Amino acid sequence: MDWLNVTLLTVGDYTLTSGALVASISVVIVTFIIAGLISRAINRLSRLRPAHVSHQIYTINRIVYYAVIVIGFIGALSVLGFQLDKLVLVGGALGIGIGLGLQSIVNNFVSGIIILLEKSIKVGDFIELGTGLMGEVKEIRLRSTLIRTNDNIDILVPSSEFISGQVINWTLEENVRRFRIPFGVAYGSDKNKVRDAVLAAAAKVSYTLTDDSHKPIVWMTGFGDSSLDFSLGVWVEPDAVKRPTQVTSDYIWAIDDALREAGVEIPFPQRDLHLRSSNVGLGDRKSDVNGER
């Protein structure tokens, strides 16, 4: 076992041996194994709990995971022979480096901790960013958050964007939402017939909520250039909230069918052009022309 005592590096009073390096690497490997086992155990526990409890367990899981990793790395450095007072000096040097060029990394790291503790965004939430990005939160990490769009595209968003930018959380407290579906009909249409036809169409869509506190409603919103403008307000079930494009399409489809069956005209953009002619001075111009001839 002489190979464990081979000197690899000597700096002043510090000597790094092959045995210390192997031991340090082993500590790191064991740390990741233990952290992974603990994380999987907590995940199995969260599946047996209600949704609101599982979100809290997820936060605890991430904090415990990273805490084990940090402790493991400190242990690995100790095995290498670094003392705590020297680690403080190293930390001071890292602080200078952070001040010079690692602000964004630290910003994302701290933002990730805030997101986990604040619980304003949870795994499973459907969110919309100020950039227009919409998707379901699949994983919250310290540096970034994994969002999966309805097109099954995975996007990593830096955690700092959730702290400094505008975030719309469609499922933060309540998991039902009301959609507003605009539509228009031709001038002269029977408004009562329009309302009844659209409400009947909305009731036929499978995920429409119709209880007393979530009944569909039709508003008349204005007089357009070519149409009477209306809007359907309809509450949908939680599963449909995460599919806004499909929801909007289904209701527009149903409204179009219902209005056609009711004989209500759906207008198209049109303009009336009025031409006005004037004969003032026309005779004088004719005389001038004849005189020249």
C-alpha atoms as a PDB file:
ATOM      1  CA  MET A   1       0.000   0.000   0.000  1.00  0.00           C
ATOM      2  CA  ASP A   2       2.968   2.269  -0.484  1.00  0.00           C
ATOM      3  CA  TRP A   3       1.175   4.008  -3.323  1.00  0.00           C
ATOM      4  CA  LEU A   4      -1.135   5.658  -0.783  1.00  0.00           C
ATOM      5  CA  ASN A   5       1.845   7.541   0.675  1.00  0.00           C
ATOM      6  CA  VAL A   6       3.063   8.992  -2.595  1.00  0.00           C
ATOM      7  CA  THR A   7       3.536  12.758  -2.341  1.00  0.00           C
ATOM      8  CA  LEU A   8       1.631  14.535  -5.091  1.00  0.00           C
ATOM      9  CA  LEU A   9       2.024  18.178  -4.109  1.00  0.00           C
ATOM     10  CA  THR A  10       3.949  20.211  -1.583  1.00  0.00           C
ATOM     11  CA  VAL A  11       3.181  23.884  -0.944  1.00  0.00           C
ATOM     12  CA  GLY A  12       4.898  25.342   2.111  1.00  0.00           C
ATOM     13  CA  ASP A  13       3.825  23.294   5.130  1.00  0.00           C
ATOM     14  CA  TYR A  14       1.093  21.512   3.202  1.00  0.00           C
ATOM     15  CA  THR A  15       1.668  18.125   1.605  1.00  0.00           C
ATOM     16  CA  LEU A  16      -0.897  16.328  -0.534  1.00  0.00           C
ATOM     17  CA  THR A  17      -0.567  12.551  -0.665  1.00  0.00           C
ATOM     18  CA  SER A  18      -2.244  10.091  -2.970  1.00  0.00           C
ATOM     19  CA  GLY A  19      -4.012   8.483  -0.008  1.00  0.00           C
ATOM     20  CA  ALA A  20      -5.559  11.792   1.071  1.00  0.00           C
ATOM     21  CA  LEU A  21      -6.695  12.479  -2.511  1.00  0.00           C
ATOM     22  CA  VAL A  22      -8.326   9.029  -2.812  1.00  0.00           C
ATOM     23  CA  ALA A  23     -10.014   9.474   0.564  1.00  0.00           C
ATOM     24  CA  SER A  24     -11.308  12.900  -0.407  1.00  0.00           C
ATOM     25  CA  ILE A  25     -12.731  11.634  -3.697  1.00  0.00           C
ATOM     26  CA  SER A  26     -14.336   8.724  -1.846  1.00  0.00           C
ATOM     27  CA  VAL A  27     -16.003  11.169   0.569  1.00  0.00           C
ATOM     28  CA  VAL A  28     -17.429  13.132  -2.355  1.00  0.00           C
ATOM     29  CA  ILE A  29     -18.772   9.978  -4.040  1.00  0.00           C
ATOM     30  CA  VAL A  30     -20.303   8.693  -0.813  1.00  0.00           C
ATOM     31  CA  THR A  31     -21.822  12.123  -0.204  1.00  0.00           C
ATOM     32  CA  PHE A  32     -23.630  12.109  -3.562  1.00  0.00           C
ATOM     33  CA  ILE A  33     -24.813   8.533  -2.974  1.00  0.00           C
ATOM     34  CA  ILE A  34     -26.182   9.396   0.467  1.00  0.00           C
ATOM     35  CA  ALA A  35     -27.793  12.605  -0.818  1.00  0.00           C
ATOM     36  CA  GLY A  36     -29.442  10.669  -3.662  1.00  0.00           C
ATOM     37  CA  LEU A  37     -30.757   7.969  -1.320  1.00  0.00           C
ATOM     38  CA  ILE A  38     -32.172  10.550   1.073  1.00  0.00           C
ATOM     39  CA  SER A  39     -33.778  12.463  -1.823  1.00  0.00           C
ATOM     40  CA  ARG A  40     -35.432   9.338  -3.237  1.00  0.00           C
ATOM     41  CA  ALA A  41     -36.701   8.343   0.208  1.00  0.00           C
ATOM     42  CA  ILE A  42     -38.263  11.753   0.746  1.00  0.00           C
ATOM     43  CA  ASN A  43     -39.806  11.644  -2.755  1.00  0.00           C
ATOM     44  CA  ARG A  44     -41.443   8.307  -1.964  1.00  0.00           C
ATOM     45  CA  LEU A  45     -42.785   9.819   1.238  1.00  0.00           C
ATOM     46  CA  SER A  46     -44.244  12.805  -0.620  1.00  0.00           C
ATOM     47  CA  ARG A  47     -46.262  10.534  -2.943  1.00  0.00           C
ATOM     48  CA  LEU A  48     -48.179   9.243   0.069  1.00  0.00           C
ATOM     49  CA  ARG A  49     -49.192  12.718   1.226  1.00  0.00           C
ATOM     50  CA  PRO A  50     -51.789  15.238  -0.041  1.00  0.00           C
ATOM     51  CA  ALA A  51     -50.720  17.733  -2.703  1.00  0.00           C
ATOM     52  CA  HIS A  52     -50.279  20.726  -0.385  1.00  0.00           C
ATOM     53  CA  VAL A  53     -48.116  18.618   1.951  1.00  0.00           C
ATOM     54  CA  SER A  54     -46.068  17.134  -0.897  1.00  0.00           C
ATOM     55  CA  HIS A  55     -45.046  20.645  -2.020  1.00  0.00           C
ATOM     56  CA  GLN A  56     -43.644  21.326   1.449  1.00  0.00           C
ATOM     57  CA  ILE A  57     -41.858  17.973   1.442  1.00  0.00           C
ATOM     58  CA  TYR A  58     -40.314  18.843  -1.945  1.00  0.00           C
ATOM     59  CA  THR A  59     -38.889  22.060  -0.474  1.00  0.00           C
ATOM     60  CA  ILE A  60     -37.460  20.160   2.492  1.00  0.00           C
ATOM     61  CA  ASN A  61     -36.055  17.560   0.115  1.00  0.00           C
ATOM     62  CA  ARG A  62     -34.127  20.122  -1.947  1.00  0.00           C
ATOM     63  CA  ILE A  63     -32.759  21.906   1.118  1.00  0.00           C
ATOM     64  CA  VAL A  64     -31.655  18.627   2.731  1.00  0.00           C
ATOM     65  CA  TYR A  65     -30.074  17.470  -0.543  1.00  0.00           C
ATOM     66  CA  TYR A  66     -27.932  20.574  -0.957  1.00  0.00           C
ATOM     67  CA  ALA A  67     -27.091  20.668   2.765  1.00  0.00           C
ATOM     68  CA  VAL A  68     -25.718  17.110   2.560  1.00  0.00           C
ATOM     69  CA  ILE A  69     -23.676  18.065  -0.512  1.00  0.00           C
ATOM     70  CA  VAL A  70     -22.170  21.093   1.259  1.00  0.00           C
ATOM     71  CA  ILE A  71     -21.322  19.057   4.358  1.00  0.00           C
ATOM     72  CA  GLY A  72     -19.750  16.387   2.186  1.00  0.00           C
ATOM     73  CA  PHE A  73     -17.535  18.873   0.371  1.00  0.00           C
ATOM     74  CA  ILE A  74     -16.424  20.384   3.667  1.00  0.00           C
ATOM     75  CA  GLY A  75     -15.585  16.875   4.850  1.00  0.00           C
ATOM     76  CA  ALA A  76     -13.658  16.175   1.649  1.00  0.00           C
ATOM     77  CA  LEU A  77     -11.595  19.337   2.131  1.00  0.00           C
ATOM     78  CA  SER A  78     -10.918  18.353   5.729  1.00  0.00           C
ATOM     79  CA  VAL A  79      -9.652  14.957   4.578  1.00  0.00           C
ATOM     80  CA  LEU A  80      -7.278  16.774   2.255  1.00  0.00           C
ATOM     81  CA  GLY A  81      -5.852  18.522   5.292  1.00  0.00           C
ATOM     82  CA  PHE A  82      -7.487  21.928   5.006  1.00  0.00           C
ATOM     83  CA  GLN A  83      -8.276  23.484   8.369  1.00  0.00           C
ATOM     84  CA  LEU A  84     -11.371  25.556   9.045  1.00  0.00           C
ATOM     85  CA  ASP A  85      -9.393  28.767   9.512  1.00  0.00           C
ATOM     86  CA  LYS A  86      -7.790  28.207   6.113  1.00  0.00           C
ATOM     87  CA  LEU A  87     -11.195  27.536   4.617  1.00  0.00           C
ATOM     88  CA  VAL A  88     -12.270  30.944   5.908  1.00  0.00           C
ATOM     89  CA  LEU A  89      -9.379  32.498   4.002  1.00  0.00           C
ATOM     90  CA  VAL A  90     -10.404  30.579   0.898  1.00  0.00           C
ATOM     91  CA  GLY A  91     -13.942  31.826   1.418  1.00  0.00           C
ATOM     92  CA  GLY A  92     -12.624  35.396   1.568  1.00  0.00           C
ATOM     93  CA  ALA A  93     -10.805  34.875  -1.705  1.00  0.00           C
ATOM     94  CA  LEU A  94     -13.957  33.464  -3.252  1.00  0.00           C
ATOM     95  CA  GLY A  95     -15.820  36.512  -1.990  1.00  0.00           C
ATOM     96  CA  ILE A  96     -13.465  38.733  -3.972  1.00  0.00           C
ATOM     97  CA  GLY A  97     -14.029  36.557  -7.033  1.00  0.00           C
ATOM     98  CA  ILE A  98     -17.784  36.806  -6.562  1.00  0.00           C
ATOM     99  CA  GLY A  99     -17.518  40.561  -6.345  1.00  0.00           C
ATOM    100  CA  LEU A 100     -15.534  40.663  -9.571  1.00  0.00           C
ATOM    101  CA  GLY A 101     -17.475  38.395 -11.867  1.00  0.00           C
ATOM    102  CA  LEU A 102     -19.792  35.837 -10.292  1.00  0.00           C
ATOM    103  CA  GLN A 103     -22.685  38.104  -9.342  1.00  0.00           C
ATOM    104  CA  SER A 104     -25.136  36.403 -11.695  1.00  0.00           C
ATOM    105  CA  ILE A 105     -24.321  32.939 -10.337  1.00  0.00           C
ATOM    106  CA  VAL A 106     -24.748  34.044  -6.740  1.00  0.00           C
ATOM    107  CA  ASN A 107     -27.903  35.970  -7.684  1.00  0.00           C
ATOM    108  CA  ASN A 108     -29.448  32.843  -9.192  1.00  0.00           C
ATOM    109  CA  PHE A 109     -28.308  30.732  -6.237  1.00  0.00           C
ATOM    110  CA  VAL A 110     -29.877  33.066  -3.660  1.00  0.00           C
ATOM    111  CA  SER A 111     -33.007  33.442  -5.816  1.00  0.00           C
ATOM    112  CA  GLY A 112     -33.371  29.653  -5.908  1.00  0.00           C
ATOM    113  CA  ILE A 113     -33.258  29.512  -2.114  1.00  0.00           C
ATOM    114  CA  ILE A 114     -35.883  32.274  -1.889  1.00  0.00           C
ATOM    115  CA  ILE A 115     -38.183  30.429  -4.310  1.00  0.00           C
ATOM    116  CA  LEU A 116     -37.913  27.211  -2.302  1.00  0.00           C
ATOM    117  CA  LEU A 117     -38.581  28.920   1.020  1.00  0.00           C
ATOM    118  CA  GLU A 118     -41.212  31.377  -0.169  1.00  0.00           C
ATOM    119  CA  LYS A 119     -43.190  28.692  -2.035  1.00  0.00           C
ATOM    120  CA  SER A 120     -44.659  31.228  -4.449  1.00  0.00           C
ATOM    121  CA  ILE A 121     -43.786  28.744  -7.209  1.00  0.00           C
ATOM    122  CA  LYS A 122     -44.209  25.005  -6.699  1.00  0.00           C
ATOM    123  CA  VAL A 123     -43.629  21.918  -8.779  1.00  0.00           C
ATOM    124  CA  GLY A 124     -46.777  21.331 -10.825  1.00  0.00           C
ATOM    125  CA  ASP A 125     -47.746  25.010 -11.054  1.00  0.00           C
ATOM    126  CA  PHE A 126     -48.640  26.436 -14.449  1.00  0.00           C
ATOM    127  CA  ILE A 127     -46.894  29.773 -14.859  1.00  0.00           C
ATOM    128  CA  GLU A 128     -46.502  32.550 -17.406  1.00  0.00           C
ATOM    129  CA  LEU A 129     -43.455  34.812 -17.511  1.00  0.00           C
ATOM    130  CA  GLY A 130     -43.330  38.413 -18.670  1.00  0.00           C
ATOM    131  CA  THR A 131     -41.592  37.206 -21.840  1.00  0.00           C
ATOM    132  CA  GLY A 132     -44.708  35.219 -22.787  1.00  0.00           C
ATOM    133  CA  LEU A 133     -43.252  31.825 -21.877  1.00  0.00           C
ATOM    134  CA  MET A 134     -45.920  29.507 -20.475  1.00  0.00           C
ATOM    135  CA  GLY A 135     -45.483  26.045 -19.030  1.00  0.00           C
ATOM    136  CA  GLU A 136     -45.623  23.710 -16.063  1.00  0.00           C
ATOM    137  CA  VAL A 137     -42.931  23.779 -13.386  1.00  0.00           C
ATOM    138  CA  LYS A 138     -41.265  20.363 -13.386  1.00  0.00           C
ATOM    139  CA  GLU A 139     -38.282  20.966 -11.103  1.00  0.00           C
ATOM    140  CA  ILE A 140     -36.942  23.775  -8.928  1.00  0.00           C
ATOM    141  CA  ARG A 141     -33.184  23.925  -8.604  1.00  0.00           C
ATOM    142  CA  LEU A 142     -30.976  26.465  -6.896  1.00  0.00           C
ATOM    143  CA  ARG A 143     -29.576  27.941 -10.098  1.00  0.00           C
ATOM    144  CA  SER A 144     -32.513  27.442 -12.447  1.00  0.00           C
ATOM    145  CA  THR A 145     -36.082  26.189 -12.719  1.00  0.00           C
ATOM    146  CA  LEU A 146     -37.179  23.596 -15.273  1.00  0.00           C
ATOM    147  CA  ILE A 147     -40.342  24.523 -17.171  1.00  0.00           C
ATOM    148  CA  ARG A 148     -42.049  22.221 -19.654  1.00  0.00           C
ATOM    149  CA  THR A 149     -44.253  23.892 -22.264  1.00  0.00           C
ATOM    150  CA  ASN A 150     -47.395  22.378 -23.756  1.00  0.00           C
ATOM    151  CA  ASP A 151     -45.289  21.528 -26.815  1.00  0.00           C
ATOM    152  CA  ASN A 152     -43.209  19.260 -24.520  1.00  0.00           C
ATOM    153  CA  ILE A 153     -40.189  21.567 -24.699  1.00  0.00           C
ATOM    154  CA  ASP A 154     -38.051  21.710 -21.561  1.00  0.00           C
ATOM    155  CA  ILE A 155     -36.706  25.181 -20.785  1.00  0.00           C
ATOM    156  CA  LEU A 156     -34.301  26.089 -17.993  1.00  0.00           C
ATOM    157  CA  VAL A 157     -35.080  29.559 -16.649  1.00  0.00           C
ATOM    158  CA  PRO A 158     -32.559  31.285 -14.333  1.00  0.00           C
ATOM    159  CA  SER A 159     -34.007  31.572 -10.834  1.00  0.00           C
ATOM    160  CA  SER A 160     -33.352  35.317 -10.696  1.00  0.00           C
ATOM    161  CA  GLU A 161     -35.992  35.919 -13.395  1.00  0.00           C
ATOM    162  CA  PHE A 162     -38.696  34.743 -10.998  1.00  0.00           C
ATOM    163  CA  ILE A 163     -37.558  37.254  -8.378  1.00  0.00           C
ATOM    164  CA  SER A 164     -36.903  40.334 -10.516  1.00  0.00           C
ATOM    165  CA  GLY A 165     -39.511  39.831 -13.261  1.00  0.00           C
ATOM    166  CA  GLN A 166     -43.276  39.492 -13.463  1.00  0.00           C
ATOM    167  CA  VAL A 167     -44.590  35.960 -13.013  1.00  0.00           C
ATOM    168  CA  ILE A 168     -48.227  34.917 -13.452  1.00  0.00           C
ATOM    169  CA  ASN A 169     -48.932  31.748 -11.479  1.00  0.00           C
ATOM    170  CA  TRP A 170     -52.172  30.302 -12.819  1.00  0.00           C
ATOM    171  CA  THR A 171     -52.420  27.695 -10.051  1.00  0.00           C
ATOM    172  CA  LEU A 172     -50.897  29.365  -6.971  1.00  0.00           C
ATOM    173  CA  GLU A 173     -53.858  29.265  -4.577  1.00  0.00           C
ATOM    174  CA  GLU A 174     -56.842  28.145  -6.680  1.00  0.00           C
ATOM    175  CA  ASN A 175     -56.602  25.565  -9.446  1.00  0.00           C
ATOM    176  CA  VAL A 176     -59.722  26.665 -11.347  1.00  0.00           C
ATOM    177  CA  ARG A 177     -59.664  29.668 -13.647  1.00  0.00           C
ATOM    178  CA  ARG A 178     -62.081  31.661 -15.771  1.00  0.00           C
ATOM    179  CA  PHE A 179     -61.344  32.101 -19.451  1.00  0.00           C
ATOM    180  CA  ARG A 180     -62.737  34.985 -21.506  1.00  0.00           C
ATOM    181  CA  ILE A 181     -63.577  34.030 -25.079  1.00  0.00           C
ATOM    182  CA  PRO A 182     -64.348  37.042 -27.324  1.00  0.00           C
ATOM    183  CA  PHE A 183     -66.670  36.730 -30.325  1.00  0.00           C
ATOM    184  CA  GLY A 184     -68.866  38.929 -32.486  1.00  0.00           C
ATOM    185  CA  VAL A 185     -72.187  38.744 -34.349  1.00  0.00           C
ATOM    186  CA  ALA A 186     -73.710  40.823 -37.122  1.00  0.00           C
ATOM    187  CA  TYR A 187     -75.622  44.007 -36.327  1.00  0.00           C
ATOM    188  CA  GLY A 188     -79.329  43.321 -36.016  1.00  0.00           C
ATOM    189  CA  SER A 189     -78.883  39.877 -34.443  1.00  0.00           C
ATOM    190  CA  ASP A 190     -81.171  38.837 -31.603  1.00  0.00           C
ATOM    191  CA  LYS A 191     -79.008  39.345 -28.510  1.00  0.00           C
ATOM    192  CA  ASN A 192     -81.059  36.989 -26.340  1.00  0.00           C
ATOM    193  CA  LYS A 193     -80.760  34.252 -28.932  1.00  0.00           C
ATOM    194  CA  VAL A 194     -77.003  34.835 -29.087  1.00  0.00           C
ATOM    195  CA  ARG A 195     -76.670  34.579 -25.299  1.00  0.00           C
ATOM    196  CA  ASP A 196     -78.757  31.403 -25.030  1.00  0.00           C
ATOM    197  CA  ALA A 197     -76.954  29.686 -27.914  1.00  0.00           C
ATOM    198  CA  VAL A 198     -73.488  30.475 -26.545  1.00  0.00           C
ATOM    199  CA  LEU A 199     -74.335  29.391 -22.989  1.00  0.00           C
ATOM    200  CA  ALA A 200     -75.735  26.115 -24.321  1.00  0.00           C
ATOM    201  CA  ALA A 201     -72.561  25.603 -26.370  1.00  0.00           C
ATOM    202  CA  ALA A 202     -70.358  26.259 -23.335  1.00  0.00           C
ATOM    203  CA  ALA A 203     -72.294  23.738 -21.247  1.00  0.00           C
ATOM    204  CA  LYS A 204     -71.557  21.025 -23.811  1.00  0.00           C
ATOM    205  CA  VAL A 205     -67.774  21.403 -23.430  1.00  0.00           C
ATOM    206  CA  SER A 206     -66.682  18.632 -21.085  1.00  0.00           C
ATOM    207  CA  TYR A 207     -64.544  20.654 -18.669  1.00  0.00           C
ATOM    208  CA  THR A 208     -66.958  23.553 -18.134  1.00  0.00           C
ATOM    209  CA  LEU A 209     -67.896  24.202 -14.497  1.00  0.00           C
ATOM    210  CA  THR A 210     -71.605  24.951 -14.006  1.00  0.00           C
ATOM    211  CA  ASP A 211     -72.093  25.100 -10.235  1.00  0.00           C
ATOM    212  CA  ASP A 212     -73.669  28.169  -8.616  1.00  0.00           C
ATOM    213  CA  SER A 213     -70.367  29.987  -8.009  1.00  0.00           C
ATOM    214  CA  HIS A 214     -68.840  29.153 -11.393  1.00  0.00           C
ATOM    215  CA  LYS A 215     -71.642  29.532 -13.917  1.00  0.00           C
ATOM    216  CA  PRO A 216     -70.785  30.610 -17.484  1.00  0.00           C
ATOM    217  CA  ILE A 217     -71.811  34.125 -18.429  1.00  0.00           C
ATOM    218  CA  VAL A 218     -72.042  36.175 -21.622  1.00  0.00           C
ATOM    219  CA  TRP A 219     -71.154  39.867 -21.642  1.00  0.00           C
ATOM    220  CA  MET A 220     -71.845  42.376 -24.386  1.00  0.00           C
ATOM    221  CA  THR A 221     -68.590  44.313 -24.588  1.00  0.00           C
ATOM    222  CA  GLY A 222     -69.094  46.931 -27.297  1.00  0.00           C
ATOM    223  CA  PHE A 223     -70.032  48.030 -30.789  1.00  0.00           C
ATOM    224  CA  GLY A 224     -67.346  47.015 -33.245  1.00  0.00           C
ATOM    225  CA  ASP A 225     -66.726  48.276 -36.773  1.00  0.00           C
ATOM    226  CA  SER A 226     -68.578  45.318 -38.272  1.00  0.00           C
ATOM    227  CA  SER A 227     -70.107  43.464 -35.330  1.00  0.00           C
ATOM    228  CA  LEU A 228     -71.730  43.471 -31.935  1.00  0.00           C
ATOM    229  CA  ASP A 229     -68.936  42.354 -29.643  1.00  0.00           C
ATOM    230  CA  PHE A 230     -69.487  39.786 -26.894  1.00  0.00           C
ATOM    231  CA  SER A 231     -67.330  37.782 -24.513  1.00  0.00           C
ATOM    232  CA  LEU A 232     -67.982  34.394 -22.935  1.00  0.00           C
ATOM    233  CA  GLY A 233     -66.733  34.035 -19.368  1.00  0.00           C
ATOM    234  CA  VAL A 234     -66.378  30.381 -18.452  1.00  0.00           C
ATOM    235  CA  TRP A 235     -64.757  28.526 -15.533  1.00  0.00           C
ATOM    236  CA  VAL A 236     -62.887  25.339 -16.379  1.00  0.00           C
ATOM    237  CA  GLU A 237     -61.664  22.315 -14.437  1.00  0.00           C
ATOM    238  CA  PRO A 238     -58.093  22.232 -13.024  1.00  0.00           C
ATOM    239  CA  ASP A 239     -56.731  19.869 -15.667  1.00  0.00           C
ATOM    240  CA  ALA A 240     -57.847  22.220 -18.449  1.00  0.00           C
ATOM    241  CA  VAL A 241     -56.218  25.298 -16.905  1.00  0.00           C
ATOM    242  CA  LYS A 242     -52.807  24.087 -18.067  1.00  0.00           C
ATOM    243  CA  ARG A 243     -54.000  23.870 -21.701  1.00  0.00           C
ATOM    244  CA  PRO A 244     -55.100  27.454 -22.520  1.00  0.00           C
ATOM    245  CA  THR A 245     -54.692  27.157 -26.285  1.00  0.00           C
ATOM    246  CA  GLN A 246     -56.802  23.983 -26.433  1.00  0.00           C
ATOM    247  CA  VAL A 247     -59.412  25.490 -24.119  1.00  0.00           C
ATOM    248  CA  THR A 248     -59.763  28.633 -26.238  1.00  0.00           C
ATOM    249  CA  SER A 249     -59.969  26.581 -29.436  1.00  0.00           C
ATOM    250  CA  ASP A 250     -62.666  24.262 -28.040  1.00  0.00           C
ATOM    251  CA  TYR A 251     -64.911  27.128 -26.957  1.00  0.00           C
ATOM    252  CA  ILE A 252     -64.491  29.086 -30.190  1.00  0.00           C
ATOM    253  CA  TRP A 253     -65.322  25.907 -32.105  1.00  0.00           C
ATOM    254  CA  ALA A 254     -68.439  25.297 -30.006  1.00  0.00           C
ATOM    255  CA  ILE A 255     -69.571  28.936 -30.290  1.00  0.00           C
ATOM    256  CA  ASP A 256     -69.217  28.922 -34.070  1.00  0.00           C
ATOM    257  CA  ASP A 257     -71.277  25.732 -34.384  1.00  0.00           C
ATOM    258  CA  ALA A 258     -73.958  27.024 -32.000  1.00  0.00           C
ATOM    259  CA  LEU A 259     -74.382  30.370 -33.740  1.00  0.00           C
ATOM    260  CA  ARG A 260     -74.633  28.748 -37.163  1.00  0.00           C
ATOM    261  CA  GLU A 261     -77.290  26.343 -35.891  1.00  0.00           C
ATOM    262  CA  ALA A 262     -79.228  29.267 -34.380  1.00  0.00           C
ATOM    263  CA  GLY A 263     -79.092  31.169 -37.670  1.00  0.00           C
ATOM    264  CA  VAL A 264     -77.014  33.997 -36.228  1.00  0.00           C
ATOM    265  CA  GLU A 265     -74.673  35.602 -38.740  1.00  0.00           C
ATOM    266  CA  ILE A 266     -70.993  35.802 -37.852  1.00  0.00           C
ATOM    267  CA  PRO A 267     -69.730  38.956 -39.599  1.00  0.00           C
ATOM    268  CA  PHE A 268     -66.533  39.525 -41.496  1.00  0.00           C
ATOM    269  CA  PRO A 269     -64.681  42.853 -41.716  1.00  0.00           C
ATOM    270  CA  GLN A 270     -66.248  45.127 -44.317  1.00  0.00           C
ATOM    271  CA  ARG A 271     -66.239  48.799 -45.273  1.00  0.00           C
ATOM    272  CA  ASP A 272     -68.860  50.949 -47.022  1.00  0.00           C
ATOM    273  CA  LEU A 273     -67.366  53.294 -49.628  1.00  0.00           C
ATOM    274  CA  HIS A 274     -69.332  56.440 -50.465  1.00  0.00           C
ATOM    275  CA  LEU A 275     -68.349  58.423 -53.625  1.00  0.00           C
ATOM    276  CA  ARG A 276     -69.378  62.056 -53.943  1.00  0.00           C
ATOM    277  CA  SER A 277     -69.065  63.946 -57.273  1.00  0.00           C
ATOM    278  CA  SER A 278     -69.339  67.729 -57.908  1.00  0.00           C
ATOM    279  CA  ASN A 279     -70.241  69.602 -61.194  1.00  0.00           C
ATOM    280  CA  VAL A 280     -69.192  73.043 -59.953  1.00  0.00           C
ATOM    281  CA  GLY A 281     -67.088  74.807 -62.609  1.00  0.00           C
ATOM    282  CA  LEU A 282     -67.499  71.966 -65.070  1.00  0.00           C
ATOM    283  CA  GLY A 283     -69.273  74.174 -67.688  1.00  0.00           C
ATOM    284  CA  ASP A 284     -66.596  76.857 -67.567  1.00  0.00           C
ATOM    285  CA  ARG A 285     -63.881  74.291 -68.112  1.00  0.00           C
ATOM    286  CA  LYS A 286     -65.783  72.973 -71.145  1.00  0.00           C
ATOM    287  CA  SER A 287     -66.075  76.513 -72.620  1.00  0.00           C
ATOM    288  CA  ASP A 288     -62.379  77.121 -72.215  1.00  0.00           C
ATOM    289  CA  VAL A 289     -61.631  73.925 -73.951  1.00  0.00           C
ATOM    290  CA  ASN A 290     -64.007  74.723 -76.844  1.00  0.00           C
ATOM    291  CA  GLY A 291     -62.543  78.243 -77.176  1.00  0.00           C
ATOM    292  CA  GLU A 292     -59.096  76.928 -77.566  1.00  0.00           C
ATOM    293  CA  ARG A 293     -60.233  74.698 -80.329  1.00  0.00           C
END
